């Protein structure tokens, strides 16, 4: 495996000059979906699926598996593509504040005890499995709602 270079400290996530690529994972266990409560913007305080940025030179499926481990401490393997969502958020002056293309995968846990509860990483406030029937009671991100509607889960 090749070593990845550290990216510049200049962060263009907010008011970007081009779209960013994010990857997300859907880990389903007994009609429950793994969710994290986001700690940082965009969507701080909202519930979403674990995920993060695609790194330069990284394949999307590898990024999804890496993010699964970094976000919740589970070693996961991609099963199949769940869907692609455009996330474009505007500020009060109609400027694009965030623009992401989100590539989401269904994954399965491949190591560790399935009964082990997920642990939130440093960029998440909480992590938990939520029954499908209770998803509407959570303050979900718009992009997650869009994905779940496409998947006939929401």
N, C-alpha and C. Protein backbone atom coordinates (compact mmCIF):
# COMPACT_ATOMS: atom_id res chain seq x y z
N UNK A 1 0.84 -1.17 0.00
CA UNK A 1 0.00 0.00 0.00
C UNK A 1 0.89 1.24 0.00
N UNK A 2 0.60 2.16 -0.89
CA UNK A 2 1.39 3.39 -0.97
C UNK A 2 1.03 4.35 0.14
N UNK A 3 2.00 5.08 0.60
CA UNK A 3 1.80 6.08 1.64
C UNK A 3 1.15 7.31 1.02
N UNK A 4 0.14 7.86 1.70
CA UNK A 4 -0.53 9.06 1.20
C UNK A 4 0.13 10.30 1.75
N UNK A 5 0.22 11.32 0.92
CA UNK A 5 0.80 12.59 1.36
C UNK A 5 -0.23 13.37 2.15
N UNK A 6 0.24 14.12 3.12
CA UNK A 6 -0.64 14.97 3.91
C UNK A 6 -1.08 16.14 3.05
N UNK A 7 -2.38 16.44 3.11
CA UNK A 7 -2.92 17.53 2.31
C UNK A 7 -2.57 18.87 2.93
N UNK A 8 -2.67 19.88 2.14
CA UNK A 8 -2.41 21.25 2.58
C UNK A 8 -3.33 21.60 3.75
N UNK A 9 -2.88 22.50 4.59
CA UNK A 9 -3.71 22.92 5.71
C UNK A 9 -4.80 23.89 5.26
N UNK A 10 -4.72 24.35 4.01
CA UNK A 10 -5.76 25.23 3.49
C UNK A 10 -6.99 24.40 3.20
N UNK A 11 -8.08 24.71 3.84
CA UNK A 11 -9.29 23.91 3.74
C UNK A 11 -10.33 24.65 2.92
N UNK A 12 -10.71 24.10 1.79
CA UNK A 12 -11.69 24.75 0.93
C UNK A 12 -13.06 24.09 1.04
N UNK A 13 -13.34 23.41 2.14
CA UNK A 13 -14.65 22.77 2.29
C UNK A 13 -15.77 23.81 2.29
N UNK A 14 -15.52 24.89 3.01
CA UNK A 14 -16.53 25.95 3.07
C UNK A 14 -16.23 26.95 1.96
N UNK A 15 -17.25 27.28 1.18
CA UNK A 15 -17.13 28.13 0.00
C UNK A 15 -16.07 27.58 -0.95
N UNK A 16 -16.30 26.36 -1.42
CA UNK A 16 -15.31 25.69 -2.27
C UNK A 16 -15.26 26.29 -3.67
N UNK A 17 -14.16 26.01 -4.36
CA UNK A 17 -14.02 26.41 -5.76
C UNK A 17 -14.39 25.25 -6.68
N UNK A 18 -14.56 24.07 -6.09
CA UNK A 18 -14.98 22.88 -6.84
C UNK A 18 -15.69 21.94 -5.87
N UNK A 19 -16.49 21.02 -6.37
CA UNK A 19 -17.15 20.06 -5.47
C UNK A 19 -16.13 19.14 -4.80
N UNK A 20 -16.46 18.68 -3.62
CA UNK A 20 -15.66 17.69 -2.90
C UNK A 20 -16.35 16.34 -3.01
N UNK A 21 -15.59 15.29 -2.85
CA UNK A 21 -16.14 13.94 -2.92
C UNK A 21 -16.12 13.35 -1.52
N UNK A 22 -17.27 12.88 -1.08
CA UNK A 22 -17.38 12.22 0.21
C UNK A 22 -17.86 10.79 0.01
N UNK A 23 -17.52 9.93 0.96
CA UNK A 23 -18.00 8.55 0.94
C UNK A 23 -18.73 8.28 2.25
N UNK A 24 -19.78 7.49 2.17
CA UNK A 24 -20.54 7.14 3.36
C UNK A 24 -20.82 5.66 3.37
N UNK A 25 -21.09 5.14 4.58
CA UNK A 25 -21.38 3.71 4.71
C UNK A 25 -22.73 3.49 5.37
N UNK A 26 -23.44 2.51 4.87
CA UNK A 26 -24.68 2.06 5.47
C UNK A 26 -24.43 0.67 6.04
N UNK A 27 -24.36 0.60 7.36
CA UNK A 27 -24.19 -0.67 8.05
C UNK A 27 -25.52 -1.01 8.69
N UNK A 28 -26.14 -2.07 8.18
CA UNK A 28 -27.47 -2.49 8.64
C UNK A 28 -27.31 -3.77 9.45
N UNK A 29 -27.97 -3.77 10.62
CA UNK A 29 -27.93 -4.94 11.49
C UNK A 29 -29.33 -5.15 12.07
N UNK A 30 -29.98 -6.25 11.71
CA UNK A 30 -31.30 -6.60 12.24
C UNK A 30 -32.29 -5.44 12.12
N UNK A 31 -32.45 -4.90 10.91
CA UNK A 31 -33.38 -3.78 10.64
C UNK A 31 -33.04 -2.53 11.45
N UNK A 32 -31.76 -2.35 11.75
CA UNK A 32 -31.25 -1.15 12.41
C UNK A 32 -30.15 -0.57 11.53
N UNK A 33 -30.10 0.75 11.44
CA UNK A 33 -29.08 1.44 10.65
C UNK A 33 -28.13 2.16 11.59
N UNK A 34 -26.84 2.01 11.35
CA UNK A 34 -25.85 2.69 12.16
C UNK A 34 -25.82 4.18 11.80
N UNK A 35 -26.00 5.03 12.79
CA UNK A 35 -25.96 6.48 12.61
C UNK A 35 -24.93 7.10 13.54
N UNK A 36 -24.41 8.25 13.10
CA UNK A 36 -23.56 9.07 13.96
C UNK A 36 -24.19 10.45 14.05
N UNK A 37 -23.97 11.11 15.18
CA UNK A 37 -24.40 12.50 15.33
C UNK A 37 -23.19 13.37 15.03
N UNK A 38 -23.33 14.21 14.00
CA UNK A 38 -22.20 15.00 13.50
C UNK A 38 -21.77 16.06 14.50
N UNK A 39 -20.47 16.20 14.67
CA UNK A 39 -19.92 17.17 15.60
C UNK A 39 -19.60 18.50 14.89
N UNK A 40 -19.26 18.43 13.60
CA UNK A 40 -18.82 19.62 12.85
C UNK A 40 -19.71 19.87 11.64
N UNK A 41 -19.66 21.09 11.14
CA UNK A 41 -20.36 21.44 9.91
C UNK A 41 -19.66 20.83 8.71
N UNK A 42 -20.39 20.59 7.63
CA UNK A 42 -21.81 20.89 7.51
C UNK A 42 -22.67 19.92 8.34
N UNK A 43 -23.80 20.42 8.78
CA UNK A 43 -24.80 19.62 9.49
C UNK A 43 -24.41 19.21 10.91
N UNK A 44 -23.64 20.04 11.62
CA UNK A 44 -23.31 19.74 13.01
C UNK A 44 -24.59 19.56 13.81
N UNK A 45 -24.61 18.52 14.66
CA UNK A 45 -25.78 18.24 15.49
C UNK A 45 -26.82 17.37 14.83
N UNK A 46 -26.70 17.09 13.55
CA UNK A 46 -27.64 16.23 12.83
C UNK A 46 -27.10 14.80 12.80
N UNK A 47 -28.02 13.86 12.62
CA UNK A 47 -27.66 12.45 12.51
C UNK A 47 -27.44 12.10 11.05
N UNK A 48 -26.44 11.27 10.80
CA UNK A 48 -26.12 10.84 9.44
C UNK A 48 -25.45 9.47 9.51
N UNK A 49 -25.02 8.99 8.37
CA UNK A 49 -24.26 7.75 8.33
C UNK A 49 -22.77 8.10 8.47
N UNK A 50 -21.96 7.17 8.94
CA UNK A 50 -20.52 7.43 9.01
C UNK A 50 -19.94 7.67 7.62
N UNK A 51 -18.94 8.52 7.56
CA UNK A 51 -18.30 8.79 6.28
C UNK A 51 -17.30 9.91 6.38
N UNK A 52 -16.73 10.27 5.25
CA UNK A 52 -15.76 11.34 5.22
C UNK A 52 -15.27 11.58 3.81
N UNK A 53 -14.17 12.30 3.73
CA UNK A 53 -13.63 12.73 2.43
C UNK A 53 -12.82 11.63 1.75
N UNK A 54 -12.96 11.58 0.44
CA UNK A 54 -12.10 10.76 -0.39
C UNK A 54 -10.74 11.46 -0.45
N UNK A 55 -9.68 10.70 -0.23
CA UNK A 55 -8.34 11.27 -0.27
C UNK A 55 -7.75 11.10 -1.67
N UNK A 56 -6.86 11.99 -2.03
CA UNK A 56 -6.21 11.96 -3.33
C UNK A 56 -5.51 10.61 -3.53
N UNK A 57 -5.78 9.95 -4.65
CA UNK A 57 -5.17 8.67 -4.96
C UNK A 57 -5.87 7.47 -4.34
N UNK A 58 -6.96 7.70 -3.63
CA UNK A 58 -7.68 6.63 -2.93
C UNK A 58 -8.90 6.21 -3.74
N UNK A 59 -9.16 4.94 -3.80
CA UNK A 59 -10.37 4.43 -4.45
C UNK A 59 -11.55 4.59 -3.50
N UNK A 60 -12.74 4.84 -4.06
CA UNK A 60 -13.90 5.14 -3.22
C UNK A 60 -14.24 4.00 -2.27
N UNK A 61 -14.15 2.75 -2.72
CA UNK A 61 -14.48 1.64 -1.84
C UNK A 61 -13.48 1.53 -0.68
N UNK A 62 -12.22 1.78 -0.95
CA UNK A 62 -11.22 1.76 0.12
C UNK A 62 -11.48 2.89 1.10
N UNK A 63 -11.87 4.05 0.57
CA UNK A 63 -12.18 5.19 1.44
C UNK A 63 -13.36 4.85 2.35
N UNK A 64 -14.37 4.20 1.82
CA UNK A 64 -15.54 3.82 2.63
C UNK A 64 -15.12 2.88 3.76
N UNK A 65 -14.29 1.91 3.44
CA UNK A 65 -13.84 0.96 4.46
C UNK A 65 -12.96 1.66 5.50
N UNK A 66 -12.10 2.58 5.06
CA UNK A 66 -11.25 3.34 5.99
C UNK A 66 -12.11 4.20 6.90
N UNK A 67 -13.07 4.89 6.33
CA UNK A 67 -13.94 5.76 7.12
C UNK A 67 -14.76 4.96 8.13
N UNK A 68 -15.19 3.77 7.76
CA UNK A 68 -15.91 2.92 8.72
C UNK A 68 -15.08 2.67 9.96
N UNK A 69 -13.80 2.38 9.76
CA UNK A 69 -12.94 2.12 10.90
C UNK A 69 -12.65 3.41 11.68
N UNK A 70 -12.34 4.49 10.96
CA UNK A 70 -12.01 5.75 11.63
C UNK A 70 -13.20 6.34 12.38
N UNK A 71 -14.38 6.23 11.82
CA UNK A 71 -15.56 6.87 12.42
C UNK A 71 -16.16 6.08 13.57
N UNK A 72 -16.14 4.74 13.48
CA UNK A 72 -16.86 3.95 14.49
C UNK A 72 -16.07 2.77 15.04
N UNK A 73 -14.85 2.57 14.54
CA UNK A 73 -14.02 1.51 15.07
C UNK A 73 -14.36 0.12 14.59
N UNK A 74 -15.15 0.00 13.53
CA UNK A 74 -15.48 -1.31 12.97
C UNK A 74 -14.70 -1.51 11.68
N UNK A 75 -14.12 -2.70 11.51
CA UNK A 75 -13.53 -3.06 10.23
C UNK A 75 -14.69 -3.55 9.36
N UNK A 76 -14.89 -2.89 8.22
CA UNK A 76 -16.01 -3.21 7.34
C UNK A 76 -15.51 -3.48 5.93
N UNK A 77 -16.36 -4.16 5.16
CA UNK A 77 -16.09 -4.48 3.76
C UNK A 77 -17.27 -4.01 2.94
N UNK A 78 -16.99 -3.33 1.83
CA UNK A 78 -18.05 -2.86 0.94
C UNK A 78 -18.74 -4.05 0.30
N UNK A 79 -20.10 -4.02 0.32
CA UNK A 79 -20.90 -5.05 -0.35
C UNK A 79 -21.38 -4.55 -1.71
N UNK A 80 -21.99 -3.34 -1.73
CA UNK A 80 -22.46 -2.81 -3.01
C UNK A 80 -22.76 -1.32 -2.85
N UNK A 81 -22.87 -0.66 -3.99
CA UNK A 81 -23.20 0.76 -4.03
C UNK A 81 -24.63 0.96 -3.54
N UNK A 82 -24.82 1.93 -2.65
CA UNK A 82 -26.16 2.25 -2.15
C UNK A 82 -26.77 3.41 -2.93
N UNK A 83 -25.95 4.37 -3.32
CA UNK A 83 -26.46 5.51 -4.07
C UNK A 83 -25.49 6.68 -4.02
N UNK A 84 -25.72 7.60 -4.94
CA UNK A 84 -24.91 8.82 -5.05
C UNK A 84 -25.84 10.01 -4.85
N UNK A 85 -25.43 10.92 -3.98
CA UNK A 85 -26.25 12.08 -3.63
C UNK A 85 -25.44 13.36 -3.87
N UNK A 86 -26.07 14.36 -4.46
CA UNK A 86 -25.48 15.69 -4.57
C UNK A 86 -25.90 16.49 -3.35
N UNK A 87 -24.93 17.00 -2.61
CA UNK A 87 -25.22 17.82 -1.43
C UNK A 87 -24.69 19.22 -1.72
N UNK A 88 -25.60 20.14 -1.97
CA UNK A 88 -25.24 21.53 -2.26
C UNK A 88 -25.99 22.40 -1.28
N UNK A 89 -25.24 23.13 -0.47
CA UNK A 89 -25.84 23.98 0.57
C UNK A 89 -25.48 25.44 0.29
N UNK A 90 -26.49 26.30 0.35
CA UNK A 90 -26.31 27.72 0.09
C UNK A 90 -26.36 28.50 1.40
N UNK A 91 -25.65 29.62 1.45
CA UNK A 91 -25.73 30.49 2.61
C UNK A 91 -26.89 31.47 2.42
N UNK A 92 -27.05 32.41 3.33
CA UNK A 92 -28.16 33.37 3.26
C UNK A 92 -28.06 34.34 2.09
N UNK A 93 -26.90 34.42 1.46
CA UNK A 93 -26.70 35.29 0.30
C UNK A 93 -26.69 34.51 -1.01
N UNK A 94 -27.21 33.29 -0.98
CA UNK A 94 -27.28 32.41 -2.14
C UNK A 94 -25.92 32.05 -2.73
N UNK A 95 -24.87 32.08 -1.90
CA UNK A 95 -23.56 31.58 -2.32
C UNK A 95 -23.45 30.12 -1.90
N UNK A 96 -22.77 29.34 -2.71
CA UNK A 96 -22.59 27.94 -2.36
C UNK A 96 -21.61 27.85 -1.20
N UNK A 97 -22.13 27.39 -0.05
CA UNK A 97 -21.32 27.26 1.15
C UNK A 97 -20.62 25.90 1.21
N UNK A 98 -21.34 24.85 0.78
CA UNK A 98 -20.78 23.50 0.72
C UNK A 98 -21.28 22.83 -0.55
N UNK A 99 -20.42 22.05 -1.17
CA UNK A 99 -20.82 21.26 -2.33
C UNK A 99 -20.07 19.93 -2.30
N UNK A 100 -20.83 18.86 -2.11
CA UNK A 100 -20.27 17.52 -2.06
C UNK A 100 -21.00 16.61 -3.05
N UNK A 101 -20.26 15.67 -3.59
CA UNK A 101 -20.83 14.52 -4.27
C UNK A 101 -20.58 13.36 -3.30
N UNK A 102 -21.65 12.76 -2.80
CA UNK A 102 -21.56 11.73 -1.76
C UNK A 102 -21.81 10.35 -2.37
N UNK A 103 -20.81 9.50 -2.28
CA UNK A 103 -20.89 8.14 -2.81
C UNK A 103 -21.05 7.22 -1.61
N UNK A 104 -22.17 6.52 -1.56
CA UNK A 104 -22.54 5.73 -0.38
C UNK A 104 -22.59 4.24 -0.71
N UNK A 105 -22.08 3.44 0.24
CA UNK A 105 -22.00 2.00 0.05
C UNK A 105 -22.66 1.26 1.21
N UNK A 106 -23.31 0.14 0.89
CA UNK A 106 -23.69 -0.83 1.91
C UNK A 106 -22.43 -1.58 2.29
N UNK A 107 -22.23 -1.78 3.58
CA UNK A 107 -21.05 -2.50 4.07
C UNK A 107 -21.49 -3.58 5.05
N UNK A 108 -20.57 -4.50 5.32
CA UNK A 108 -20.77 -5.50 6.37
C UNK A 108 -19.58 -5.45 7.30
N UNK A 109 -19.81 -5.72 8.56
CA UNK A 109 -18.73 -5.77 9.53
C UNK A 109 -17.99 -7.08 9.33
N UNK A 110 -16.65 -7.02 9.21
CA UNK A 110 -15.87 -8.23 8.93
C UNK A 110 -14.95 -8.63 10.07
N UNK A 111 -14.77 -7.78 11.05
CA UNK A 111 -13.96 -8.13 12.22
C UNK A 111 -14.60 -7.55 13.45
N UNK A 112 -14.30 -8.15 14.58
CA UNK A 112 -14.84 -7.65 15.83
C UNK A 112 -16.14 -8.34 16.19
N UNK A 113 -16.56 -8.11 17.39
CA UNK A 113 -17.78 -8.71 17.92
C UNK A 113 -18.99 -7.90 17.48
N UNK A 114 -19.96 -8.52 16.76
CA UNK A 114 -21.15 -7.77 16.33
C UNK A 114 -21.93 -7.14 17.48
N UNK A 115 -21.82 -7.71 18.66
CA UNK A 115 -22.55 -7.15 19.80
C UNK A 115 -21.84 -5.94 20.40
N UNK A 116 -20.59 -5.70 19.98
CA UNK A 116 -19.85 -4.54 20.48
C UNK A 116 -20.52 -3.26 19.99
N UNK A 117 -20.88 -2.35 20.91
CA UNK A 117 -21.52 -1.12 20.47
C UNK A 117 -20.55 -0.23 19.70
N UNK A 118 -21.06 0.54 18.75
CA UNK A 118 -20.17 1.44 18.01
C UNK A 118 -19.65 2.53 18.92
N UNK A 119 -18.43 2.98 18.66
CA UNK A 119 -17.88 4.08 19.44
C UNK A 119 -17.68 5.27 18.50
N UNK A 120 -18.15 6.42 18.92
CA UNK A 120 -18.03 7.62 18.11
C UNK A 120 -16.58 8.09 18.07
N UNK A 121 -16.13 8.50 16.90
CA UNK A 121 -14.78 9.04 16.76
C UNK A 121 -14.75 10.48 17.28
N UNK A 122 -13.62 11.11 17.16
CA UNK A 122 -13.46 12.47 17.67
C UNK A 122 -14.28 13.50 16.89
N UNK A 123 -14.73 13.16 15.69
CA UNK A 123 -15.54 14.11 14.93
C UNK A 123 -17.04 13.76 14.95
N UNK A 124 -17.43 12.91 15.87
CA UNK A 124 -18.84 12.57 16.06
C UNK A 124 -19.21 12.69 17.53
N UNK A 125 -20.42 13.12 17.79
CA UNK A 125 -20.89 13.27 19.17
C UNK A 125 -21.39 11.95 19.74
N UNK A 126 -22.04 11.13 18.90
CA UNK A 126 -22.60 9.85 19.32
C UNK A 126 -22.61 8.90 18.13
N UNK A 127 -22.73 7.62 18.42
CA UNK A 127 -22.92 6.60 17.40
C UNK A 127 -23.85 5.55 17.97
N UNK A 128 -24.83 5.12 17.17
CA UNK A 128 -25.77 4.10 17.64
C UNK A 128 -26.50 3.46 16.47
N UNK A 129 -26.99 2.26 16.72
CA UNK A 129 -27.87 1.60 15.76
C UNK A 129 -29.30 2.05 16.05
N UNK A 130 -30.00 2.46 14.98
CA UNK A 130 -31.36 2.98 15.11
C UNK A 130 -32.30 2.09 14.28
N UNK A 131 -33.39 1.61 14.89
CA UNK A 131 -34.36 0.83 14.11
C UNK A 131 -34.93 1.66 12.95
N UNK A 132 -35.11 1.00 11.81
CA UNK A 132 -35.68 1.70 10.65
C UNK A 132 -36.96 2.44 11.01
N UNK A 133 -37.82 1.81 11.82
CA UNK A 133 -39.11 2.40 12.15
C UNK A 133 -38.97 3.65 13.01
N UNK A 134 -37.80 3.90 13.60
CA UNK A 134 -37.58 5.08 14.44
C UNK A 134 -36.80 6.20 13.74
N UNK A 135 -36.37 5.98 12.50
CA UNK A 135 -35.53 6.97 11.81
C UNK A 135 -36.20 8.35 11.72
N UNK A 136 -37.52 8.39 11.54
CA UNK A 136 -38.21 9.67 11.39
C UNK A 136 -38.23 10.47 12.69
N UNK A 137 -37.88 9.86 13.79
CA UNK A 137 -37.81 10.56 15.08
C UNK A 137 -36.46 11.26 15.27
N UNK A 138 -35.52 11.01 14.37
CA UNK A 138 -34.17 11.59 14.47
C UNK A 138 -34.05 12.79 13.53
N UNK A 139 -33.24 13.74 13.93
CA UNK A 139 -32.96 14.92 13.13
C UNK A 139 -31.87 14.55 12.11
N UNK A 140 -32.29 13.96 10.99
CA UNK A 140 -31.37 13.46 9.98
C UNK A 140 -30.95 14.56 9.02
N UNK A 141 -29.77 14.41 8.43
CA UNK A 141 -29.34 15.36 7.40
C UNK A 141 -30.23 15.19 6.18
N UNK A 142 -30.40 16.28 5.42
CA UNK A 142 -31.21 16.21 4.20
C UNK A 142 -30.65 15.20 3.21
N UNK A 143 -29.33 15.12 3.12
CA UNK A 143 -28.73 14.18 2.17
C UNK A 143 -29.00 12.73 2.57
N UNK A 144 -29.03 12.44 3.86
CA UNK A 144 -29.35 11.08 4.30
C UNK A 144 -30.82 10.78 4.02
N UNK A 145 -31.69 11.72 4.29
CA UNK A 145 -33.11 11.51 3.98
C UNK A 145 -33.29 11.22 2.49
N UNK A 146 -32.62 12.00 1.64
CA UNK A 146 -32.71 11.78 0.20
C UNK A 146 -32.25 10.37 -0.18
N UNK A 147 -31.15 9.92 0.40
CA UNK A 147 -30.63 8.58 0.12
C UNK A 147 -31.62 7.51 0.61
N UNK A 148 -32.13 7.67 1.83
CA UNK A 148 -33.05 6.67 2.38
C UNK A 148 -34.35 6.61 1.59
N UNK A 149 -34.80 7.73 1.06
CA UNK A 149 -36.00 7.73 0.20
C UNK A 149 -35.70 6.97 -1.09
N UNK A 150 -34.54 7.21 -1.68
CA UNK A 150 -34.17 6.47 -2.89
C UNK A 150 -34.11 4.95 -2.64
N UNK A 151 -33.73 4.57 -1.44
CA UNK A 151 -33.61 3.16 -1.08
C UNK A 151 -34.90 2.56 -0.52
N UNK A 152 -35.98 3.35 -0.50
CA UNK A 152 -37.27 2.93 0.05
C UNK A 152 -37.17 2.50 1.52
N UNK A 153 -36.32 3.18 2.28
CA UNK A 153 -36.16 2.89 3.70
C UNK A 153 -36.89 3.94 4.55
N UNK A 154 -37.05 5.13 4.03
CA UNK A 154 -37.61 6.25 4.81
C UNK A 154 -39.01 6.56 4.36
